[in-house]
Amino acid sequence: MTAMYTIYGDNSKFLKERHMQVTRNHTVYDTIRGRLALNDGYCPCQPSKTKDTICPCKYMRKYSTCRCGLYVPATDEEEDEDV
């Protein structure tokens, strides 16, 4: 069974609440997207496949830190644009 996961966009409420954005590094972005697809939507940085490791994983949701690098802290430029 394939897990349901979402890659959020920079303007999503989810990322804004966490002061995060999608990485601008295209290599990292493409690599993580590919690994998510191969891993049925489960975080490629986690050894287990549970509801807590579906991207964005529980660790990301709780601590606003993405171990994979798909989501990074928002830059000042991104935050200024929202004002």
Protein backbone atom coordinates (compact mmCIF):
# COMPACT_ATOMS: atom_id res chain seq x y z
CA MET A 1 0.00 0.00 0.00
CA THR A 2 1.31 3.45 -0.90
CA ALA A 3 1.46 6.10 1.81
CA MET A 4 -0.15 9.47 1.20
CA TYR A 5 2.36 12.27 1.48
CA THR A 6 2.45 15.91 0.51
CA ILE A 7 5.29 18.13 -0.57
CA TYR A 8 4.12 21.50 0.63
CA GLY A 9 4.72 24.72 -1.29
CA ASP A 10 6.30 27.83 0.24
CA ASN A 11 2.94 29.57 0.56
CA SER A 12 1.32 26.73 2.47
CA LYS A 13 0.03 27.36 5.97
CA PHE A 14 1.98 24.29 7.12
CA LEU A 15 5.37 25.79 6.17
CA LYS A 16 4.53 29.38 7.13
CA GLU A 17 3.61 28.29 10.66
CA ARG A 18 7.01 26.63 10.96
CA HIS A 19 8.96 29.44 9.26
CA MET A 20 10.18 26.94 6.67
CA GLN A 21 10.41 26.79 2.89
CA VAL A 22 11.18 24.19 0.26
CA THR A 23 14.90 23.96 -0.44
CA ARG A 24 16.19 26.00 -3.36
CA ASN A 25 18.89 23.40 -3.99
CA HIS A 26 17.54 21.57 -7.04
CA THR A 27 19.85 18.59 -6.54
CA VAL A 28 18.58 18.03 -2.99
CA TYR A 29 14.98 18.62 -4.05
CA ASP A 30 15.15 16.18 -6.97
CA THR A 31 17.00 13.56 -4.91
CA ILE A 32 14.55 13.65 -2.00
CA ARG A 33 11.52 13.63 -4.31
CA GLY A 34 12.94 10.58 -6.07
CA ARG A 35 13.70 8.79 -2.81
CA LEU A 36 10.19 9.57 -1.52
CA ALA A 37 8.73 8.03 -4.67
CA LEU A 38 10.92 4.92 -4.30
CA ASN A 39 10.09 4.68 -0.60
CA ASP A 40 6.30 4.97 -1.12
CA GLY A 41 6.20 8.42 0.52
CA TYR A 42 8.00 7.47 3.69
CA CYS A 43 10.88 9.63 4.87
CA PRO A 44 14.09 8.31 3.33
CA CYS A 45 15.99 9.29 6.50
CA GLN A 46 13.94 7.03 8.77
CA PRO A 47 14.57 3.28 9.07
CA SER A 48 10.91 2.35 9.65
CA LYS A 49 7.75 2.78 7.63
CA THR A 50 5.04 3.96 10.03
CA LYS A 51 2.44 6.71 10.02
CA ASP A 52 5.02 8.84 11.88
CA THR A 53 7.53 8.57 9.05
CA ILE A 54 5.26 9.60 6.18
CA CYS A 55 6.62 12.80 4.66
CA PRO A 56 6.57 15.29 6.25
CA CYS A 57 7.53 13.05 9.14
CA LYS A 58 6.50 13.50 12.76
CA TYR A 59 9.96 14.87 13.62
CA MET A 60 9.54 17.62 11.01
CA ARG A 61 6.02 18.42 12.18
CA LYS A 62 7.07 18.56 15.84
CA TYR A 63 10.48 20.26 15.68
CA SER A 64 10.30 22.17 12.36
CA THR A 65 13.52 20.50 11.31
CA CYS A 66 13.75 18.37 8.19
CA ARG A 67 16.55 15.83 8.41
CA CYS A 68 16.44 15.21 4.65
CA GLY A 69 16.89 18.84 3.70
CA LEU A 70 13.69 19.05 1.64
CA TYR A 71 12.42 21.78 3.96
CA VAL A 72 14.79 24.46 5.25
CA PRO A 73 14.38 27.54 7.44
CA ALA A 74 12.76 30.40 5.54
CA THR A 75 15.15 33.12 4.47
CA ASP A 76 14.59 36.74 5.46
CA GLU A 77 13.74 37.50 1.83
CA GLU A 78 10.88 35.00 1.83
CA GLU A 79 9.49 36.30 5.13
CA ASP A 80 9.74 39.95 3.98
CA GLU A 81 7.70 39.17 0.86
CA ASP A 82 4.80 37.99 3.03
CA VAL A 83 4.58 41.31 4.92
